[in-house]
Amino acid sequence: MERLLTCSDTPTAVFAYNDKIAVGARRALLAAGKSVPQDIALVGYDGDEFVAYLDFPLTTVSQPLYEVGRRAVEISSSRAAVGDLCLLKPELIVRASCGTGHNGAGIMAGFKGRSKKEQSA
């Protein structure tokens, strides 16, 4: 993150490898005097539930972990042909870290602001 911030063309957004890396990226951004999302938007990947409860709700891409596990069991128990392509659909959970606020309004107005689990709570 520190190297990205020294570039002459500073990024306006960062898509982190996972949610924990995104949390570390935010710390580095704050240490450099940058604000999320005002200066740099931030998105993680994994859909870890803890990120909804941070002091900055993190936008994340949630993986369908139950389905990943189910498919892995099918493949390992030879119920699926080896080499079959398996595509699973992730879910974008838009929160404040990408500059939209909690309701999903703003630059990504077409996306829902909370996961189905959060919407039912």
PDB file of N, CA and C in Angstrom:
ATOM      1  N   MET A   1       0.824  -1.183   0.000  1.00  0.00           N
ATOM      2  CA  MET A   1       0.000   0.000   0.000  1.00  0.00           C
ATOM      3  C   MET A   1       0.869   1.248   0.000  1.00  0.00           C
ATOM      4  N   GLU A   2       1.936   1.208   0.821  1.00  0.00           N
ATOM      5  CA  GLU A   2       2.819   2.376   0.883  1.00  0.00           C
ATOM      6  C   GLU A   2       3.409   2.694  -0.488  1.00  0.00           C
ATOM      7  N   ARG A   3       3.772   1.650  -1.240  1.00  0.00           N
ATOM      8  CA  ARG A   3       4.339   1.862  -2.579  1.00  0.00           C
ATOM      9  C   ARG A   3       3.312   2.470  -3.531  1.00  0.00           C
ATOM     10  N   LEU A   4       2.077   2.013  -3.442  1.00  0.00           N
ATOM     11  CA  LEU A   4       1.023   2.580  -4.292  1.00  0.00           C
ATOM     12  C   LEU A   4       0.840   4.069  -4.031  1.00  0.00           C
ATOM     13  N   LEU A   5       0.956   4.449  -2.768  1.00  0.00           N
ATOM     14  CA  LEU A   5       0.736   5.854  -2.407  1.00  0.00           C
ATOM     15  C   LEU A   5       1.869   6.763  -2.836  1.00  0.00           C
ATOM     16  N   THR A   6       3.025   6.188  -3.158  1.00  0.00           N
ATOM     17  CA  THR A   6       4.142   7.011  -3.623  1.00  0.00           C
ATOM     18  C   THR A   6       4.142   7.191  -5.136  1.00  0.00           C
ATOM     19  N   CYS A   7       3.249   6.519  -5.840  1.00  0.00           N
ATOM     20  CA  CYS A   7       3.166   6.654  -7.294  1.00  0.00           C
ATOM     21  C   CYS A   7       2.705   8.067  -7.652  1.00  0.00           C
ATOM     22  N   SER A   8       3.161   8.548  -8.788  1.00  0.00           N
ATOM     23  CA  SER A   8       2.742   9.878  -9.226  1.00  0.00           C
ATOM     24  C   SER A   8       1.250   9.905  -9.554  1.00  0.00           C
ATOM     25  N   ASP A   9       0.716   8.777  -9.986  1.00  0.00           N
ATOM     26  CA  ASP A   9      -0.709   8.661 -10.300  1.00  0.00           C
ATOM     27  C   ASP A   9      -1.365   7.816  -9.209  1.00  0.00           C
ATOM     28  N   THR A  10      -1.704   8.436  -8.081  1.00  0.00           N
ATOM     29  CA  THR A  10      -2.272   7.736  -6.933  1.00  0.00           C
ATOM     30  C   THR A  10      -3.615   7.105  -7.310  1.00  0.00           C
ATOM     31  N   PRO A  11      -3.850   5.860  -6.914  1.00  0.00           N
ATOM     32  CA  PRO A  11      -5.124   5.215  -7.263  1.00  0.00           C
ATOM     33  C   PRO A  11      -6.299   5.873  -6.553  1.00  0.00           C
ATOM     34  N   THR A  12      -7.464   5.742  -7.146  1.00  0.00           N
ATOM     35  CA  THR A  12      -8.689   6.249  -6.522  1.00  0.00           C
ATOM     36  C   THR A  12      -9.449   5.126  -5.832  1.00  0.00           C
ATOM     37  N   ALA A  13      -9.026   3.881  -6.074  1.00  0.00           N
ATOM     38  CA  ALA A  13      -9.676   2.733  -5.459  1.00  0.00           C
ATOM     39  C   ALA A  13      -8.677   1.587  -5.335  1.00  0.00           C
ATOM     40  N   VAL A  14      -8.909   0.738  -4.323  1.00  0.00           N
ATOM     41  CA  VAL A  14      -8.080  -0.453  -4.111  1.00  0.00           C
ATOM     42  C   VAL A  14      -9.017  -1.640  -3.910  1.00  0.00           C
ATOM     43  N   PHE A  15      -8.762  -2.703  -4.667  1.00  0.00           N
ATOM     44  CA  PHE A  15      -9.476  -3.963  -4.495  1.00  0.00           C
ATOM     45  C   PHE A  15      -8.483  -4.924  -3.863  1.00  0.00           C
ATOM     46  N   ALA A  16      -8.691  -5.254  -2.593  1.00  0.00           N
ATOM     47  CA  ALA A  16      -7.737  -6.070  -1.854  1.00  0.00           C
ATOM     48  C   ALA A  16      -7.968  -7.563  -2.088  1.00  0.00           C
ATOM     49  N   TYR A  17      -6.915  -8.323  -1.934  1.00  0.00           N
ATOM     50  CA  TYR A  17      -6.918  -9.773  -2.118  1.00  0.00           C
ATOM     51  C   TYR A  17      -7.945 -10.457  -1.219  1.00  0.00           C
ATOM     52  N   ASN A  18      -8.099  -9.958   0.009  1.00  0.00           N
ATOM     53  CA  ASN A  18      -9.127 -10.471   0.912  1.00  0.00           C
ATOM     54  C   ASN A  18      -9.498  -9.374   1.911  1.00  0.00           C
ATOM     55  N   ASP A  19     -10.455  -9.656   2.759  1.00  0.00           N
ATOM     56  CA  ASP A  19     -10.945  -8.643   3.694  1.00  0.00           C
ATOM     57  C   ASP A  19      -9.888  -8.247   4.727  1.00  0.00           C
ATOM     58  N   LYS A  20      -9.104  -9.201   5.183  1.00  0.00           N
ATOM     59  CA  LYS A  20      -8.073  -8.881   6.177  1.00  0.00           C
ATOM     60  C   LYS A  20      -7.006  -7.971   5.577  1.00  0.00           C
ATOM     61  N   ILE A  21      -6.634  -8.206   4.343  1.00  0.00           N
ATOM     62  CA  ILE A  21      -5.674  -7.337   3.661  1.00  0.00           C
ATOM     63  C   ILE A  21      -6.282  -5.939   3.492  1.00  0.00           C
ATOM     64  N   ALA A  22      -7.573  -5.874   3.210  1.00  0.00           N
ATOM     65  CA  ALA A  22      -8.250  -4.574   3.068  1.00  0.00           C
ATOM     66  C   ALA A  22      -8.199  -3.785   4.374  1.00  0.00           C
ATOM     67  N   VAL A  23      -8.356  -4.477   5.505  1.00  0.00           N
ATOM     68  CA  VAL A  23      -8.266  -3.806   6.805  1.00  0.00           C
ATOM     69  C   VAL A  23      -6.850  -3.241   6.993  1.00  0.00           C
ATOM     70  N   GLY A  24      -5.829  -4.019   6.626  1.00  0.00           N
ATOM     71  CA  GLY A  24      -4.447  -3.536   6.705  1.00  0.00           C
ATOM     72  C   GLY A  24      -4.195  -2.376   5.757  1.00  0.00           C
ATOM     73  N   ALA A  25      -4.798  -2.439   4.574  1.00  0.00           N
ATOM     74  CA  ALA A  25      -4.654  -1.351   3.609  1.00  0.00           C
ATOM     75  C   ALA A  25      -5.241  -0.063   4.171  1.00  0.00           C
ATOM     76  N   ARG A  26      -6.363  -0.179   4.844  1.00  0.00           N
ATOM     77  CA  ARG A  26      -6.963   1.019   5.446  1.00  0.00           C
ATOM     78  C   ARG A  26      -6.046   1.616   6.504  1.00  0.00           C
ATOM     79  N   ARG A  27      -5.434   0.777   7.309  1.00  0.00           N
ATOM     80  CA  ARG A  27      -4.492   1.287   8.318  1.00  0.00           C
ATOM     81  C   ARG A  27      -3.357   2.050   7.654  1.00  0.00           C
ATOM     82  N   ALA A  28      -2.827   1.497   6.568  1.00  0.00           N
ATOM     83  CA  ALA A  28      -1.745   2.174   5.843  1.00  0.00           C
ATOM     84  C   ALA A  28      -2.236   3.492   5.247  1.00  0.00           C
ATOM     85  N   LEU A  29      -3.457   3.500   4.733  1.00  0.00           N
ATOM     86  CA  LEU A  29      -4.021   4.722   4.168  1.00  0.00           C
ATOM     87  C   LEU A  29      -4.170   5.798   5.246  1.00  0.00           C
ATOM     88  N   LEU A  30      -4.691   5.404   6.401  1.00  0.00           N
ATOM     89  CA  LEU A  30      -4.844   6.360   7.497  1.00  0.00           C
ATOM     90  C   LEU A  30      -3.495   6.902   7.952  1.00  0.00           C
ATOM     91  N   ALA A  31      -2.499   6.024   8.032  1.00  0.00           N
ATOM     92  CA  ALA A  31      -1.151   6.448   8.433  1.00  0.00           C
ATOM     93  C   ALA A  31      -0.563   7.445   7.444  1.00  0.00           C
ATOM     94  N   ALA A  32      -0.968   7.341   6.180  1.00  0.00           N
ATOM     95  CA  ALA A  32      -0.478   8.254   5.142  1.00  0.00           C
ATOM     96  C   ALA A  32      -1.338   9.513   5.037  1.00  0.00           C
ATOM     97  N   GLY A  33      -2.309   9.643   5.934  1.00  0.00           N
ATOM     98  CA  GLY A  33      -3.159  10.833   5.918  1.00  0.00           C
ATOM     99  C   GLY A  33      -4.283  10.768   4.904  1.00  0.00           C
ATOM    100  N   LYS A  34      -4.576   9.575   4.384  1.00  0.00           N
ATOM    101  CA  LYS A  34      -5.660   9.407   3.407  1.00  0.00           C
ATOM    102  C   LYS A  34      -6.927   8.959   4.115  1.00  0.00           C
ATOM    103  N   SER A  35      -8.052   9.265   3.518  1.00  0.00           N
ATOM    104  CA  SER A  35      -9.344   8.926   4.084  1.00  0.00           C
ATOM    105  C   SER A  35     -10.061   7.937   3.168  1.00  0.00           C
ATOM    106  N   VAL A  36     -10.727   6.951   3.774  1.00  0.00           N
ATOM    107  CA  VAL A  36     -11.530   5.984   3.033  1.00  0.00           C
ATOM    108  C   VAL A  36     -12.996   6.329   3.299  1.00  0.00           C
ATOM    109  N   PRO A  37     -13.795   6.546   2.327  1.00  0.00           N
ATOM    110  CA  PRO A  37     -13.594   6.473   0.892  1.00  0.00           C
ATOM    111  C   PRO A  37     -13.338   7.816   0.213  1.00  0.00           C
ATOM    112  N   GLN A  38     -13.239   8.896   0.994  1.00  0.00           N
ATOM    113  CA  GLN A  38     -13.125  10.222   0.400  1.00  0.00           C
ATOM    114  C   GLN A  38     -11.920  10.339  -0.536  1.00  0.00           C
ATOM    115  N   ASP A  39     -10.763   9.801  -0.132  1.00  0.00           N
ATOM    116  CA  ASP A  39      -9.573   9.865  -0.981  1.00  0.00           C
ATOM    117  C   ASP A  39      -9.409   8.616  -1.844  1.00  0.00           C
ATOM    118  N   ILE A  40      -9.635   7.465  -1.239  1.00  0.00           N
ATOM    119  CA  ILE A  40      -9.461   6.184  -1.933  1.00  0.00           C
ATOM    120  C   ILE A  40     -10.564   5.235  -1.488  1.00  0.00           C
ATOM    121  N   ALA A  41     -11.310   4.694  -2.448  1.00  0.00           N
ATOM    122  CA  ALA A  41     -12.334   3.694  -2.154  1.00  0.00           C
ATOM    123  C   ALA A  41     -11.640   2.358  -1.881  1.00  0.00           C
ATOM    124  N   LEU A  42     -12.269   1.522  -1.065  1.00  0.00           N
ATOM    125  CA  LEU A  42     -11.641   0.267  -0.658  1.00  0.00           C
ATOM    126  C   LEU A  42     -12.655  -0.873  -0.705  1.00  0.00           C
ATOM    127  N   VAL A  43     -12.252  -1.991  -1.328  1.00  0.00           N
ATOM    128  CA  VAL A  43     -13.096  -3.177  -1.432  1.00  0.00           C
ATOM    129  C   VAL A  43     -12.257  -4.394  -1.067  1.00  0.00           C
ATOM    130  N   GLY A  44     -12.828  -5.279  -0.279  1.00  0.00           N
ATOM    131  CA  GLY A  44     -12.170  -6.533   0.076  1.00  0.00           C
ATOM    132  C   GLY A  44     -12.812  -7.695  -0.659  1.00  0.00           C
ATOM    133  N   TYR A  45     -12.337  -8.900  -0.331  1.00  0.00           N
ATOM    134  CA  TYR A  45     -12.879 -10.111  -0.952  1.00  0.00           C
ATOM    135  C   TYR A  45     -12.921 -11.203   0.103  1.00  0.00           C
ATOM    136  N   ASP A  46     -13.978 -11.901   0.201  1.00  0.00           N
ATOM    137  CA  ASP A  46     -14.214 -13.053   1.071  1.00  0.00           C
ATOM    138  C   ASP A  46     -15.589 -12.973   1.695  1.00  0.00           C
ATOM    139  N   GLY A  47     -16.030 -11.766   2.037  1.00  0.00           N
ATOM    140  CA  GLY A  47     -17.315 -11.636   2.691  1.00  0.00           C
ATOM    141  C   GLY A  47     -17.278 -12.030   4.152  1.00  0.00           C
ATOM    142  N   ASP A  48     -16.120 -11.867   4.797  1.00  0.00           N
ATOM    143  CA  ASP A  48     -16.030 -12.149   6.230  1.00  0.00           C
ATOM    144  C   ASP A  48     -17.068 -11.316   6.966  1.00  0.00           C
ATOM    145  N   GLU A  49     -17.818 -11.944   7.860  1.00  0.00           N
ATOM    146  CA  GLU A  49     -18.895 -11.233   8.549  1.00  0.00           C
ATOM    147  C   GLU A  49     -18.387 -10.094   9.427  1.00  0.00           C
ATOM    148  N   PHE A  50     -17.163 -10.191   9.942  1.00  0.00           N
ATOM    149  CA  PHE A  50     -16.655  -9.156  10.848  1.00  0.00           C
ATOM    150  C   PHE A  50     -16.569  -7.789  10.188  1.00  0.00           C
ATOM    151  N   VAL A  51     -16.435  -7.727   8.866  1.00  0.00           N
ATOM    152  CA  VAL A  51     -16.236  -6.437   8.213  1.00  0.00           C
ATOM    153  C   VAL A  51     -17.482  -5.549   8.226  1.00  0.00           C
ATOM    154  N   ALA A  52     -18.632  -6.123   8.487  1.00  0.00           N
ATOM    155  CA  ALA A  52     -19.851  -5.316   8.584  1.00  0.00           C
ATOM    156  C   ALA A  52     -19.881  -4.524   9.888  1.00  0.00           C
ATOM    157  N   TYR A  53     -19.051  -4.909  10.849  1.00  0.00           N
ATOM    158  CA  TYR A  53     -19.086  -4.312  12.180  1.00  0.00           C
ATOM    159  C   TYR A  53     -17.878  -3.445  12.497  1.00  0.00           C
ATOM    160  N   LEU A  54     -17.040  -3.193  11.503  1.00  0.00           N
ATOM    161  CA  LEU A  54     -15.888  -2.317  11.698  1.00  0.00           C
ATOM    162  C   LEU A  54     -16.352  -0.873  11.814  1.00  0.00           C
ATOM    163  N   ASP A  55     -15.457   0.008  12.264  1.00  0.00           N
ATOM    164  CA  ASP A  55     -15.814   1.430  12.327  1.00  0.00           C
ATOM    165  C   ASP A  55     -15.973   2.019  10.926  1.00  0.00           C
ATOM    166  N   PHE A  56     -15.550   1.305   9.910  1.00  0.00           N
ATOM    167  CA  PHE A  56     -15.782   1.672   8.515  1.00  0.00           C
ATOM    168  C   PHE A  56     -16.325   0.420   7.822  1.00  0.00           C
ATOM    169  N   PRO A  57     -17.619   0.281   7.647  1.00  0.00           N
ATOM    170  CA  PRO A  57     -18.160  -0.914   7.010  1.00  0.00           C
ATOM    171  C   PRO A  57     -17.537  -1.138   5.631  1.00  0.00           C
ATOM    172  N   LEU A  58     -16.890  -2.282   5.468  1.00  0.00           N
ATOM    173  CA  LEU A  58     -16.108  -2.592   4.265  1.00  0.00           C
ATOM    174  C   LEU A  58     -16.968  -3.216   3.179  1.00  0.00           C
ATOM    175  N   THR A  59     -16.896  -2.661   1.984  1.00  0.00           N
ATOM    176  CA  THR A  59     -17.494  -3.283   0.811  1.00  0.00           C
ATOM    177  C   THR A  59     -16.695  -4.545   0.525  1.00  0.00           C
ATOM    178  N   THR A  60     -17.378  -5.628   0.204  1.00  0.00           N
ATOM    179  CA  THR A  60     -16.689  -6.897  -0.003  1.00  0.00           C
ATOM    180  C   THR A  60     -17.391  -7.736  -1.056  1.00  0.00           C
ATOM    181  N   VAL A  61     -16.687  -8.699  -1.579  1.00  0.00           N
ATOM    182  CA  VAL A  61     -17.267  -9.682  -2.484  1.00  0.00           C
ATOM    183  C   VAL A  61     -17.349 -10.987  -1.698  1.00  0.00           C
ATOM    184  N   SER A  62     -18.562 -11.465  -1.495  1.00  0.00           N
ATOM    185  CA  SER A  62     -18.789 -12.655  -0.688  1.00  0.00           C
ATOM    186  C   SER A  62     -18.802 -13.900  -1.572  1.00  0.00           C
ATOM    187  N   GLN A  63     -18.080 -14.910  -1.122  1.00  0.00           N
ATOM    188  CA  GLN A  63     -18.043 -16.180  -1.841  1.00  0.00           C
ATOM    189  C   GLN A  63     -19.133 -17.108  -1.305  1.00  0.00           C
ATOM    190  N   PRO A  64     -19.735 -17.912  -2.156  1.00  0.00           N
ATOM    191  CA  PRO A  64     -20.748 -18.866  -1.694  1.00  0.00           C
ATOM    192  C   PRO A  64     -20.070 -20.087  -1.064  1.00  0.00           C
ATOM    193  N   LEU A  65     -19.601 -19.945   0.164  1.00  0.00           N
ATOM    194  CA  LEU A  65     -18.763 -20.972   0.792  1.00  0.00           C
ATOM    195  C   LEU A  65     -19.471 -22.311   0.946  1.00  0.00           C
ATOM    196  N   TYR A  66     -20.734 -22.311   1.284  1.00  0.00           N
ATOM    197  CA  TYR A  66     -21.456 -23.577   1.408  1.00  0.00           C
ATOM    198  C   TYR A  66     -21.424 -24.329   0.084  1.00  0.00           C
ATOM    199  N   GLU A  67     -21.698 -23.607  -0.998  1.00  0.00           N
ATOM    200  CA  GLU A  67     -21.712 -24.236  -2.320  1.00  0.00           C
ATOM    201  C   GLU A  67     -20.312 -24.697  -2.730  1.00  0.00           C
ATOM    202  N   VAL A  68     -19.287 -23.930  -2.381  1.00  0.00           N
ATOM    203  CA  VAL A  68     -17.902 -24.340  -2.664  1.00  0.00           C
ATOM    204  C   VAL A  68     -17.621 -25.672  -1.971  1.00  0.00           C
ATOM    205  N   GLY A  69     -18.002 -25.768  -0.695  1.00  0.00           N
ATOM    206  CA  GLY A  69     -17.790 -27.008   0.052  1.00  0.00           C
ATOM    207  C   GLY A  69     -18.573 -28.173  -0.516  1.00  0.00           C
ATOM    208  N   ARG A  70     -19.820 -27.915  -0.866  1.00  0.00           N
ATOM    209  CA  ARG A  70     -20.658 -28.975  -1.436  1.00  0.00           C
ATOM    210  C   ARG A  70     -20.072 -29.506  -2.744  1.00  0.00           C
ATOM    211  N   ARG A  71     -19.642 -28.590  -3.585  1.00  0.00           N
ATOM    212  CA  ARG A  71     -19.043 -29.003  -4.865  1.00  0.00           C
ATOM    213  C   ARG A  71     -17.728 -29.754  -4.647  1.00  0.00           C
ATOM    214  N   ALA A  72     -16.947 -29.330  -3.663  1.00  0.00           N
ATOM    215  CA  ALA A  72     -15.684 -30.012  -3.370  1.00  0.00           C
ATOM    216  C   ALA A  72     -15.936 -31.452  -2.936  1.00  0.00           C
ATOM    217  N   VAL A  73     -16.969 -31.668  -2.124  1.00  0.00           N
ATOM    218  CA  VAL A  73     -17.315 -33.031  -1.697  1.00  0.00           C
ATOM    219  C   VAL A  73     -17.757 -33.861  -2.889  1.00  0.00           C
ATOM    220  N   GLU A  74     -18.562 -33.286  -3.759  1.00  0.00           N
ATOM    221  CA  GLU A  74     -18.996 -34.002  -4.967  1.00  0.00           C
ATOM    222  C   GLU A  74     -17.805 -34.442  -5.803  1.00  0.00           C
ATOM    223  N   ILE A  75     -16.879 -33.515  -6.013  1.00  0.00           N
ATOM    224  CA  ILE A  75     -15.709 -33.822  -6.846  1.00  0.00           C
ATOM    225  C   ILE A  75     -14.831 -34.867  -6.179  1.00  0.00           C
ATOM    226  N   SER A  76     -14.593 -34.703  -4.864  1.00  0.00           N
ATOM    227  CA  SER A  76     -13.702 -35.648  -4.179  1.00  0.00           C
ATOM    228  C   SER A  76     -14.321 -37.035  -4.023  1.00  0.00           C
ATOM    229  N   SER A  77     -15.643 -37.120  -4.038  1.00  0.00           N
ATOM    230  CA  SER A  77     -16.288 -38.430  -3.926  1.00  0.00           C
ATOM    231  C   SER A  77     -16.646 -39.000  -5.300  1.00  0.00           C
ATOM    232  N   SER A  78     -16.085 -38.411  -6.339  1.00  0.00           N
ATOM    233  CA  SER A  78     -16.248 -38.874  -7.724  1.00  0.00           C
ATOM    234  C   SER A  78     -17.682 -38.822  -8.237  1.00  0.00           C
ATOM    235  N   ARG A  79     -18.522 -37.999  -7.638  1.00  0.00           N
ATOM    236  CA  ARG A  79     -19.875 -37.823  -8.172  1.00  0.00           C
ATOM    237  C   ARG A  79     -19.886 -36.815  -9.314  1.00  0.00           C
ATOM    238  N   ALA A  80     -18.800 -36.129  -9.489  1.00  0.00           N
ATOM    239  CA  ALA A  80     -18.686 -35.179 -10.602  1.00  0.00           C
ATOM    240  C   ALA A  80     -17.496 -35.610 -11.448  1.00  0.00           C
ATOM    241  N   ALA A  81     -17.605 -35.408 -12.720  1.00  0.00           N
ATOM    242  CA  ALA A  81     -16.510 -35.782 -13.611  1.00  0.00           C
ATOM    243  C   ALA A  81     -15.322 -34.853 -13.392  1.00  0.00           C
ATOM    244  N   VAL A  82     -14.134 -35.428 -13.355  1.00  0.00           N
ATOM    245  CA  VAL A  82     -12.915 -34.640 -13.212  1.00  0.00           C
ATOM    246  C   VAL A  82     -12.781 -33.734 -14.431  1.00  0.00           C
ATOM    247  N   GLY A  83     -12.479 -32.492 -14.189  1.00  0.00           N
ATOM    248  CA  GLY A  83     -12.314 -31.550 -15.287  1.00  0.00           C
ATOM    249  C   GLY A  83     -13.571 -30.780 -15.635  1.00  0.00           C
ATOM    250  N   ASP A  84     -14.707 -31.138 -15.019  1.00  0.00           N
ATOM    251  CA  ASP A  84     -15.937 -30.369 -15.254  1.00  0.00           C
ATOM    252  C   ASP A  84     -15.735 -28.951 -14.750  1.00  0.00           C
ATOM    253  N   LEU A  85     -16.219 -28.007 -15.515  1.00  0.00           N
ATOM    254  CA  LEU A  85     -16.135 -26.610 -15.132  1.00  0.00           C
ATOM    255  C   LEU A  85     -17.240 -26.300 -14.132  1.00  0.00           C
ATOM    256  N   CYS A  86     -16.874 -25.621 -13.079  1.00  0.00           N
ATOM    257  CA  CYS A  86     -17.834 -25.276 -12.028  1.00  0.00           C
ATOM    258  C   CYS A  86     -17.739 -23.776 -11.777  1.00  0.00           C
ATOM    259  N   LEU A  87     -18.759 -23.035 -12.149  1.00  0.00           N
ATOM    260  CA  LEU A  87     -18.792 -21.597 -11.926  1.00  0.00           C
ATOM    261  C   LEU A  87     -19.761 -21.277 -10.802  1.00  0.00           C
ATOM    262  N   LEU A  88     -19.279 -20.543  -9.817  1.00  0.00           N
ATOM    263  CA  LEU A  88     -20.119 -20.134  -8.697  1.00  0.00           C
ATOM    264  C   LEU A  88     -20.217 -18.615  -8.691  1.00  0.00           C
ATOM    265  N   LYS A  89     -21.385 -18.118  -8.363  1.00  0.00           N
ATOM    266  CA  LYS A  89     -21.629 -16.675  -8.429  1.00  0.00           C
ATOM    267  C   LYS A  89     -21.356 -16.006  -7.079  1.00  0.00           C
ATOM    268  N   PRO A  90     -20.374 -15.118  -7.018  1.00  0.00           N
ATOM    269  CA  PRO A  90     -20.146 -14.357  -5.786  1.00  0.00           C
ATOM    270  C   PRO A  90     -21.175 -13.236  -5.661  1.00  0.00           C
ATOM    271  N   GLU A  91     -21.244 -12.619  -4.492  1.00  0.00           N
ATOM    272  CA  GLU A  91     -22.189 -11.527  -4.262  1.00  0.00           C
ATOM    273  C   GLU A  91     -21.429 -10.279  -3.819  1.00  0.00           C
ATOM    274  N   LEU A  92     -21.675  -9.165  -4.497  1.00  0.00           N
ATOM    275  CA  LEU A  92     -21.094  -7.891  -4.099  1.00  0.00           C
ATOM    276  C   LEU A  92     -21.940  -7.303  -2.981  1.00  0.00           C
ATOM    277  N   ILE A  93     -21.299  -7.035  -1.833  1.00  0.00           N
ATOM    278  CA  ILE A  93     -21.988  -6.432  -0.694  1.00  0.00           C
ATOM    279  C   ILE A  93     -21.433  -5.020  -0.544  1.00  0.00           C
ATOM    280  N   VAL A  94     -22.223  -4.049  -0.983  1.00  0.00           N
ATOM    281  CA  VAL A  94     -21.784  -2.656  -1.010  1.00  0.00           C
ATOM    282  C   VAL A  94     -22.004  -2.017   0.351  1.00  0.00           C
ATOM    283  N   ARG A  95     -20.925  -1.445   0.880  1.00  0.00           N
ATOM    284  CA  ARG A  95     -20.991  -0.723   2.146  1.00  0.00           C
ATOM    285  C   ARG A  95     -20.232   0.593   1.992  1.00  0.00           C
ATOM    286  N   ALA A  96     -20.046   1.301   3.074  1.00  0.00           N
ATOM    287  CA  ALA A  96     -19.527   2.667   3.050  1.00  0.00           C
ATOM    288  C   ALA A  96     -18.115   2.818   2.485  1.00  0.00           C
ATOM    289  N   SER A  97     -17.270   1.802   2.537  1.00  0.00           N
ATOM    290  CA  SER A  97     -15.866   1.965   2.145  1.00  0.00           C
ATOM    291  C   SER A  97     -15.647   2.239   0.664  1.00  0.00           C
ATOM    292  N   CYS A  98     -16.680   2.048  -0.142  1.00  0.00           N
ATOM    293  CA  CYS A  98     -16.517   2.346  -1.569  1.00  0.00           C
ATOM    294  C   CYS A  98     -17.135   3.686  -1.939  1.00  0.00           C
ATOM    295  N   GLY A  99     -17.601   4.426  -0.945  1.00  0.00           N
ATOM    296  CA  GLY A  99     -18.099   5.766  -1.204  1.00  0.00           C
ATOM    297  C   GLY A  99     -19.576   5.859  -1.445  1.00  0.00           C
ATOM    298  N   THR A 100     -20.334   4.846  -1.029  1.00  0.00           N
ATOM    299  CA  THR A 100     -21.765   4.859  -1.286  1.00  0.00           C
ATOM    300  C   THR A 100     -22.612   5.111  -0.064  1.00  0.00           C
ATOM    301  N   GLY A 101     -22.062   4.993   1.109  1.00  0.00           N
ATOM    302  CA  GLY A 101     -22.893   5.024   2.311  1.00  0.00           C
ATOM    303  C   GLY A 101     -23.505   3.655   2.522  1.00  0.00           C
ATOM    304  N   HIS A 102     -24.266   3.496   3.568  1.00  0.00           N
ATOM    305  CA  HIS A 102     -24.817   2.178   3.885  1.00  0.00           C
ATOM    306  C   HIS A 102     -25.953   1.759   2.983  1.00  0.00           C
ATOM    307  N   ASN A 103     -26.615   2.696   2.342  1.00  0.00           N
ATOM    308  CA  ASN A 103     -27.794   2.343   1.565  1.00  0.00           C
ATOM    309  C   ASN A 103     -27.487   1.998   0.114  1.00  0.00           C
ATOM    310  N   GLY A 104     -26.230   2.010  -0.283  1.00  0.00           N
ATOM    311  CA  GLY A 104     -25.890   1.654  -1.641  1.00  0.00           C
ATOM    312  C   GLY A 104     -26.084   2.781  -2.637  1.00  0.00           C
ATOM    313  N   ALA A 105     -26.432   3.981  -2.183  1.00  0.00           N
ATOM    314  CA  ALA A 105     -26.600   5.113  -3.090  1.00  0.00           C
ATOM    315  C   ALA A 105     -25.230   5.646  -3.488  1.00  0.00           C
ATOM    316  N   GLY A 106     -25.131   6.322  -4.575  1.00  0.00           N
ATOM    317  CA  GLY A 106     -23.866   6.913  -4.974  1.00  0.00           C
ATOM    318  C   GLY A 106     -23.331   6.299  -6.244  1.00  0.00           C
ATOM    319  N   ILE A 107     -22.014   6.116  -6.306  1.00  0.00           N
ATOM    320  CA  ILE A 107     -21.382   5.691  -7.555  1.00  0.00           C
ATOM    321  C   ILE A 107     -21.811   4.303  -7.992  1.00  0.00           C
ATOM    322  N   MET A 108     -22.322   3.486  -7.070  1.00  0.00           N
ATOM    323  CA  MET A 108     -22.751   2.140  -7.422  1.00  0.00           C
ATOM    324  C   MET A 108     -24.229   1.977  -7.081  1.00  0.00           C
ATOM    325  N   ALA A 109     -25.043   2.918  -7.488  1.00  0.00           N
ATOM    326  CA  ALA A 109     -26.443   2.974  -7.078  1.00  0.00           C
ATOM    327  C   ALA A 109     -27.248   1.746  -7.482  1.00  0.00           C
ATOM    328  N   GLY A 110     -26.821   1.017  -8.486  1.00  0.00           N
ATOM    329  CA  GLY A 110     -27.573  -0.155  -8.934  1.00  0.00           C
ATOM    330  C   GLY A 110     -27.389  -1.379  -8.069  1.00  0.00           C
ATOM    331  N   PHE A 111     -26.463  -1.358  -7.121  1.00  0.00           N
ATOM    332  CA  PHE A 111     -26.193  -2.523  -6.285  1.00  0.00           C
ATOM    333  C   PHE A 111     -26.874  -2.376  -4.939  1.00  0.00           C
ATOM    334  N   LYS A 112     -27.215  -3.489  -4.323  1.00  0.00           N
ATOM    335  CA  LYS A 112     -27.811  -3.485  -2.987  1.00  0.00           C
ATOM    336  C   LYS A 112     -26.736  -3.199  -1.966  1.00  0.00           C
ATOM    337  N   GLY A 113     -27.086  -2.497  -0.900  1.00  0.00           N
ATOM    338  CA  GLY A 113     -26.131  -2.078   0.113  1.00  0.00           C
ATOM    339  C   GLY A 113     -25.831  -3.100   1.180  1.00  0.00           C
ATOM    340  N   ARG A 114     -26.642  -4.150   1.308  1.00  0.00           N
ATOM    341  CA  ARG A 114     -26.415  -5.126   2.364  1.00  0.00           C
ATOM    342  C   ARG A 114     -26.647  -6.529   1.833  1.00  0.00           C
ATOM    343  N   SER A 115     -26.031  -7.492   2.472  1.00  0.00           N
ATOM    344  CA  SER A 115     -26.252  -8.874   2.082  1.00  0.00           C
ATOM    345  C   SER A 115     -27.659  -9.294   2.473  1.00  0.00           C
ATOM    346  N   LYS A 116     -28.117 -10.421   1.940  1.00  0.00           N
ATOM    347  CA  LYS A 116     -29.442 -10.914   2.276  1.00  0.00           C
ATOM    348  C   LYS A 116     -29.553 -11.174   3.767  1.00  0.00           C
ATOM    349  N   LYS A 117     -28.487 -11.677   4.376  1.00  0.00           N
ATOM    350  CA  LYS A 117     -28.485 -11.953   5.804  1.00  0.00           C
ATOM    351  C   LYS A 117     -28.647 -10.665   6.601  1.00  0.00           C
ATOM    352  N   GLU A 118     -27.932  -9.606   6.190  1.00  0.00           N
ATOM    353  CA  GLU A 118     -28.035  -8.317   6.877  1.00  0.00           C
ATOM    354  C   GLU A 118     -29.408  -7.690   6.676  1.00  0.00           C
ATOM    355  N   GLN A 119     -30.014  -7.876   5.490  1.00  0.00           N
ATOM    356  CA  GLN A 119     -31.306  -7.279   5.203  1.00  0.00           C
ATOM    357  C   GLN A 119     -32.403  -7.903   6.058  1.00  0.00           C
ATOM    358  N   SER A 120     -32.263  -9.176   6.396  1.00  0.00           N
ATOM    359  CA  SER A 120     -33.292  -9.839   7.182  1.00  0.00           C
ATOM    360  C   SER A 120     -33.130  -9.598   8.671  1.00  0.00           C
ATOM    361  N   ALA A 121     -31.976  -9.081   9.090  1.00  0.00           N
ATOM    362  CA  ALA A 121     -31.718  -8.835  10.525  1.00  0.00           C
ATOM    363  C   ALA A 121     -32.380  -7.561  11.000  1.00  0.00           C
TER     364      ALA A 121
END
